[in-house]
Amino acid sequence: MTIDPETFRTKLLDLRERLRAEDEASEADRAPVALDQESVGRLSRMDAMQVQAMAVAAQRRRQQERAAIDAALRRIEEGEFGYCLTCGEEIAEARLDHTPTATTCIDCAR
C-alpha cells in the first residue's frame, strides 16, 4: 500500500479550516454571561451559563483536534505519516481515511 501524503495533507488542512470556522461561529457563545438580574431571569442566566460551558468545552476539544492535526502534518513533512507510532507497521489506509490523525494501527489501538 502506498499512501499519498498530499491527499492527506489536503484533508488535514481542510479539517483544520473547519475547526477554525467552528471556533469563529461559537465565539459569542463562549463570551462571559452578564449577571444583570433585570434583563435576564435566573433560569435564562443558568441556561446561558450552560451554553457557555458547553461552548468552552467544545473549543477545548477543537484545540486538541488541531494539535493532533498539526502533529499529523509534521509526520507528513518528516515522512513518518501512515506508520504506527507503537509498532512501526503501516496504518491501514481505510483507518487514515476515517481518522487522518490516527497514530496507531488498529491492532495497537485495541
N, C-alpha and C. Protein backbone atom coordinates (compact mmCIF):
# COMPACT_ATOMS: atom_id res chain seq x y z
N MET A 1 0.84 -1.18 0.00
CA MET A 1 0.00 0.00 0.00
C MET A 1 0.89 1.24 0.00
N THR A 2 0.51 2.19 -0.82
CA THR A 2 1.23 3.45 -0.84
C THR A 2 0.26 4.57 -0.54
N ILE A 3 0.51 5.25 0.55
CA ILE A 3 -0.36 6.36 0.97
C ILE A 3 0.14 7.63 0.29
N ASP A 4 -0.78 8.37 -0.31
CA ASP A 4 -0.43 9.65 -0.93
C ASP A 4 -0.48 10.74 0.14
N PRO A 5 0.68 11.22 0.59
CA PRO A 5 0.69 12.22 1.67
C PRO A 5 -0.03 13.51 1.29
N GLU A 6 0.00 13.88 0.01
CA GLU A 6 -0.64 15.14 -0.39
C GLU A 6 -2.16 15.07 -0.23
N THR A 7 -2.73 13.90 -0.48
CA THR A 7 -4.17 13.73 -0.29
C THR A 7 -4.52 13.95 1.19
N PHE A 8 -3.71 13.38 2.06
CA PHE A 8 -3.98 13.52 3.49
C PHE A 8 -3.64 14.92 3.99
N ARG A 9 -2.62 15.55 3.41
CA ARG A 9 -2.30 16.94 3.79
C ARG A 9 -3.50 17.84 3.49
N THR A 10 -4.08 17.67 2.30
CA THR A 10 -5.26 18.46 1.92
C THR A 10 -6.42 18.19 2.87
N LYS A 11 -6.64 16.92 3.18
CA LYS A 11 -7.73 16.54 4.09
C LYS A 11 -7.51 17.17 5.47
N LEU A 12 -6.28 17.12 5.96
CA LEU A 12 -5.96 17.67 7.29
C LEU A 12 -6.10 19.19 7.31
N LEU A 13 -5.66 19.85 6.25
CA LEU A 13 -5.78 21.32 6.18
C LEU A 13 -7.25 21.73 6.10
N ASP A 14 -8.06 20.96 5.36
CA ASP A 14 -9.50 21.25 5.29
C ASP A 14 -10.15 21.08 6.66
N LEU A 15 -9.75 20.03 7.36
CA LEU A 15 -10.28 19.79 8.70
C LEU A 15 -9.89 20.91 9.66
N ARG A 16 -8.63 21.37 9.56
CA ARG A 16 -8.20 22.47 10.42
C ARG A 16 -8.98 23.74 10.11
N GLU A 17 -9.27 24.00 8.85
CA GLU A 17 -10.05 25.18 8.47
C GLU A 17 -11.48 25.08 9.00
N ARG A 18 -12.07 23.87 8.96
CA ARG A 18 -13.42 23.68 9.50
C ARG A 18 -13.45 23.98 11.00
N LEU A 19 -12.41 23.54 11.70
CA LEU A 19 -12.33 23.81 13.14
C LEU A 19 -12.20 25.31 13.41
N ARG A 20 -11.43 26.02 12.58
CA ARG A 20 -11.29 27.47 12.73
C ARG A 20 -12.63 28.15 12.54
N ALA A 21 -13.39 27.70 11.54
CA ALA A 21 -14.71 28.29 11.28
C ALA A 21 -15.66 28.01 12.44
N GLU A 22 -15.60 26.82 13.01
CA GLU A 22 -16.44 26.50 14.17
C GLU A 22 -16.07 27.37 15.36
N ASP A 23 -14.77 27.60 15.57
CA ASP A 23 -14.34 28.50 16.65
C ASP A 23 -14.92 29.89 16.46
N GLU A 24 -14.84 30.36 15.24
CA GLU A 24 -15.34 31.70 14.93
C GLU A 24 -16.85 31.78 15.14
N ALA A 25 -17.57 30.75 14.71
CA ALA A 25 -19.03 30.74 14.82
C ALA A 25 -19.49 30.66 16.28
N SER A 26 -18.70 30.05 17.14
CA SER A 26 -19.13 29.87 18.53
C SER A 26 -18.54 30.92 19.47
N GLU A 27 -17.89 31.92 18.92
CA GLU A 27 -17.25 32.94 19.76
C GLU A 27 -18.24 33.63 20.70
N ALA A 28 -19.41 33.98 20.22
CA ALA A 28 -20.41 34.67 21.06
C ALA A 28 -20.89 33.76 22.19
N ASP A 29 -21.01 32.45 21.92
CA ASP A 29 -21.47 31.52 22.96
C ASP A 29 -20.46 31.38 24.09
N ARG A 30 -19.18 31.62 23.80
CA ARG A 30 -18.13 31.48 24.82
C ARG A 30 -17.94 32.75 25.65
N ALA A 31 -18.61 33.83 25.27
CA ALA A 31 -18.47 35.11 25.97
C ALA A 31 -19.00 34.99 27.39
N PRO A 32 -18.45 35.78 28.31
CA PRO A 32 -18.96 35.76 29.69
C PRO A 32 -20.45 36.10 29.74
N VAL A 33 -21.15 35.48 30.66
CA VAL A 33 -22.59 35.69 30.81
C VAL A 33 -22.82 36.88 31.72
N ALA A 34 -23.64 37.80 31.24
CA ALA A 34 -23.95 39.00 32.03
C ALA A 34 -24.76 38.62 33.26
N LEU A 35 -24.50 39.27 34.37
CA LEU A 35 -25.21 38.97 35.61
C LEU A 35 -26.29 40.01 35.93
N ASP A 36 -26.72 40.74 34.92
CA ASP A 36 -27.75 41.76 35.09
C ASP A 36 -29.09 41.06 35.36
N GLN A 37 -29.58 41.15 36.60
CA GLN A 37 -30.77 40.44 37.03
C GLN A 37 -32.04 40.98 36.37
N GLU A 38 -32.03 42.23 35.95
CA GLU A 38 -33.23 42.80 35.36
C GLU A 38 -33.43 42.37 33.92
N SER A 39 -32.37 42.17 33.18
CA SER A 39 -32.53 41.85 31.76
C SER A 39 -32.59 40.34 31.52
N VAL A 40 -32.07 39.56 32.45
CA VAL A 40 -32.06 38.12 32.26
C VAL A 40 -32.54 37.47 33.56
N GLY A 41 -33.56 36.64 33.45
CA GLY A 41 -34.05 35.95 34.64
C GLY A 41 -33.07 34.88 35.09
N ARG A 42 -33.31 34.36 36.30
CA ARG A 42 -32.40 33.37 36.89
C ARG A 42 -32.25 32.14 36.00
N LEU A 43 -33.35 31.57 35.51
CA LEU A 43 -33.28 30.38 34.67
C LEU A 43 -32.63 30.67 33.33
N SER A 44 -32.94 31.82 32.76
CA SER A 44 -32.33 32.19 31.49
C SER A 44 -30.82 32.35 31.65
N ARG A 45 -30.41 32.92 32.77
CA ARG A 45 -28.98 33.10 33.04
C ARG A 45 -28.31 31.74 33.21
N MET A 46 -28.99 30.82 33.89
CA MET A 46 -28.43 29.47 34.06
C MET A 46 -28.31 28.77 32.71
N ASP A 47 -29.32 28.95 31.85
CA ASP A 47 -29.25 28.38 30.50
C ASP A 47 -28.07 28.97 29.74
N ALA A 48 -27.90 30.29 29.84
CA ALA A 48 -26.79 30.96 29.15
C ALA A 48 -25.45 30.46 29.67
N MET A 49 -25.36 30.23 30.98
CA MET A 49 -24.11 29.72 31.55
C MET A 49 -23.83 28.29 31.09
N GLN A 50 -24.89 27.49 30.94
CA GLN A 50 -24.72 26.13 30.45
C GLN A 50 -24.26 26.15 28.99
N VAL A 51 -24.85 27.00 28.17
CA VAL A 51 -24.45 27.14 26.77
C VAL A 51 -22.98 27.57 26.71
N GLN A 52 -22.61 28.51 27.57
CA GLN A 52 -21.23 28.98 27.60
C GLN A 52 -20.28 27.84 27.98
N ALA A 53 -20.61 27.07 28.99
CA ALA A 53 -19.76 25.96 29.42
C ALA A 53 -19.61 24.92 28.31
N MET A 54 -20.70 24.62 27.63
CA MET A 54 -20.64 23.64 26.53
C MET A 54 -19.80 24.19 25.37
N ALA A 55 -19.91 25.49 25.09
CA ALA A 55 -19.13 26.09 24.01
C ALA A 55 -17.64 26.09 24.35
N VAL A 56 -17.30 26.35 25.61
CA VAL A 56 -15.90 26.34 26.04
C VAL A 56 -15.34 24.91 25.96
N ALA A 57 -16.13 23.93 26.36
CA ALA A 57 -15.70 22.53 26.28
C ALA A 57 -15.50 22.11 24.82
N ALA A 58 -16.39 22.54 23.94
CA ALA A 58 -16.25 22.22 22.52
C ALA A 58 -15.00 22.88 21.95
N GLN A 59 -14.70 24.10 22.39
CA GLN A 59 -13.48 24.77 21.93
C GLN A 59 -12.24 24.00 22.38
N ARG A 60 -12.24 23.49 23.60
CA ARG A 60 -11.10 22.70 24.08
C ARG A 60 -10.91 21.45 23.23
N ARG A 61 -12.02 20.80 22.89
CA ARG A 61 -11.93 19.60 22.03
C ARG A 61 -11.36 19.98 20.66
N ARG A 62 -11.80 21.11 20.13
CA ARG A 62 -11.26 21.56 18.83
C ARG A 62 -9.78 21.88 18.94
N GLN A 63 -9.34 22.46 20.06
CA GLN A 63 -7.92 22.73 20.25
C GLN A 63 -7.11 21.43 20.28
N GLN A 64 -7.64 20.40 20.94
CA GLN A 64 -6.96 19.10 20.97
C GLN A 64 -6.91 18.49 19.57
N GLU A 65 -8.00 18.63 18.84
CA GLU A 65 -8.04 18.09 17.49
C GLU A 65 -7.05 18.84 16.58
N ARG A 66 -6.94 20.17 16.76
CA ARG A 66 -5.97 20.95 15.98
C ARG A 66 -4.54 20.50 16.29
N ALA A 67 -4.27 20.21 17.56
CA ALA A 67 -2.94 19.73 17.94
C ALA A 67 -2.64 18.39 17.26
N ALA A 68 -3.65 17.51 17.19
CA ALA A 68 -3.47 16.22 16.51
C ALA A 68 -3.26 16.42 15.01
N ILE A 69 -3.97 17.38 14.43
CA ILE A 69 -3.80 17.70 13.01
C ILE A 69 -2.39 18.22 12.75
N ASP A 70 -1.93 19.14 13.60
CA ASP A 70 -0.58 19.69 13.43
C ASP A 70 0.48 18.60 13.56
N ALA A 71 0.27 17.66 14.48
CA ALA A 71 1.21 16.55 14.65
C ALA A 71 1.21 15.67 13.39
N ALA A 72 0.03 15.42 12.82
CA ALA A 72 -0.06 14.61 11.60
C ALA A 72 0.63 15.32 10.44
N LEU A 73 0.45 16.64 10.34
CA LEU A 73 1.13 17.40 9.29
C LEU A 73 2.65 17.34 9.46
N ARG A 74 3.11 17.37 10.71
CA ARG A 74 4.57 17.24 10.96
C ARG A 74 5.05 15.85 10.52
N ARG A 75 4.24 14.81 10.81
CA ARG A 75 4.63 13.46 10.39
C ARG A 75 4.69 13.36 8.87
N ILE A 76 3.80 14.07 8.16
CA ILE A 76 3.87 14.09 6.70
C ILE A 76 5.18 14.72 6.26
N GLU A 77 5.52 15.85 6.86
CA GLU A 77 6.76 16.55 6.50
C GLU A 77 7.99 15.69 6.76
N GLU A 78 7.94 14.90 7.81
CA GLU A 78 9.09 14.07 8.21
C GLU A 78 9.09 12.71 7.52
N GLY A 79 8.06 12.44 6.70
CA GLY A 79 7.98 11.15 6.01
C GLY A 79 7.56 10.00 6.92
N GLU A 80 6.96 10.31 8.06
CA GLU A 80 6.55 9.29 9.03
C GLU A 80 5.05 9.05 9.05
N PHE A 81 4.31 9.80 8.24
CA PHE A 81 2.85 9.68 8.24
C PHE A 81 2.43 8.31 7.72
N GLY A 82 1.46 7.71 8.38
CA GLY A 82 0.92 6.43 7.94
C GLY A 82 1.56 5.23 8.60
N TYR A 83 2.48 5.49 9.51
CA TYR A 83 3.13 4.41 10.24
C TYR A 83 2.76 4.48 11.72
N CYS A 84 2.50 3.32 12.29
CA CYS A 84 2.10 3.22 13.69
C CYS A 84 3.24 3.68 14.59
N LEU A 85 2.94 4.55 15.54
CA LEU A 85 3.96 5.03 16.47
C LEU A 85 4.34 3.96 17.50
N THR A 86 3.51 2.93 17.64
CA THR A 86 3.78 1.88 18.61
C THR A 86 4.62 0.75 18.02
N CYS A 87 4.15 0.20 16.89
CA CYS A 87 4.84 -0.97 16.33
C CYS A 87 5.62 -0.68 15.06
N GLY A 88 5.38 0.48 14.44
CA GLY A 88 6.11 0.85 13.23
C GLY A 88 5.51 0.32 11.94
N GLU A 89 4.46 -0.49 12.03
CA GLU A 89 3.80 -1.02 10.82
C GLU A 89 2.94 0.06 10.18
N GLU A 90 2.60 -0.16 8.91
CA GLU A 90 1.73 0.78 8.21
C GLU A 90 0.33 0.77 8.82
N ILE A 91 -0.26 1.94 8.89
CA ILE A 91 -1.66 2.08 9.33
C ILE A 91 -2.52 1.88 8.08
N ALA A 92 -3.59 1.12 8.20
CA ALA A 92 -4.46 0.86 7.06
C ALA A 92 -5.01 2.17 6.50
N GLU A 93 -5.01 2.25 5.18
CA GLU A 93 -5.49 3.47 4.53
C GLU A 93 -6.94 3.77 4.89
N ALA A 94 -7.75 2.72 5.05
CA ALA A 94 -9.16 2.93 5.44
C ALA A 94 -9.24 3.61 6.81
N ARG A 95 -8.34 3.24 7.72
CA ARG A 95 -8.31 3.88 9.05
C ARG A 95 -7.92 5.34 8.91
N LEU A 96 -6.92 5.62 8.08
CA LEU A 96 -6.49 7.01 7.88
C LEU A 96 -7.56 7.83 7.16
N ASP A 97 -8.28 7.19 6.24
CA ASP A 97 -9.38 7.90 5.57
C ASP A 97 -10.42 8.35 6.58
N HIS A 98 -10.70 7.47 7.54
CA HIS A 98 -11.70 7.78 8.57
C HIS A 98 -11.15 8.74 9.61
N THR A 99 -9.91 8.51 10.04
CA THR A 99 -9.28 9.33 11.08
C THR A 99 -7.86 9.68 10.62
N PRO A 100 -7.71 10.76 9.86
CA PRO A 100 -6.39 11.09 9.32
C PRO A 100 -5.35 11.45 10.38
N THR A 101 -5.79 11.65 11.61
CA THR A 101 -4.85 11.97 12.69
C THR A 101 -4.42 10.72 13.46
N ALA A 102 -4.88 9.54 13.02
CA ALA A 102 -4.56 8.29 13.73
C ALA A 102 -3.04 8.11 13.82
N THR A 103 -2.59 7.69 15.00
CA THR A 103 -1.15 7.49 15.22
C THR A 103 -0.79 6.04 15.40
N THR A 104 -1.81 5.18 15.50
CA THR A 104 -1.54 3.76 15.71
C THR A 104 -2.37 2.91 14.74
N CYS A 105 -1.85 1.74 14.44
CA CYS A 105 -2.61 0.79 13.64
C CYS A 105 -3.76 0.27 14.50
N ILE A 106 -4.69 -0.41 13.86
CA ILE A 106 -5.87 -0.88 14.59
C ILE A 106 -5.49 -1.89 15.66
N ASP A 107 -4.49 -2.74 15.40
CA ASP A 107 -4.09 -3.73 16.39
C ASP A 107 -3.54 -3.07 17.65
N CYS A 108 -2.70 -2.07 17.48
CA CYS A 108 -2.12 -1.39 18.64
C CYS A 108 -3.14 -0.50 19.36
N ALA A 109 -4.16 -0.06 18.64
CA ALA A 109 -5.19 0.80 19.23
C ALA A 109 -6.11 0.00 20.16
N ARG A 110 -6.15 -1.31 19.97
CA ARG A 110 -7.05 -2.15 20.78
C ARG A 110 -6.55 -2.31 22.14
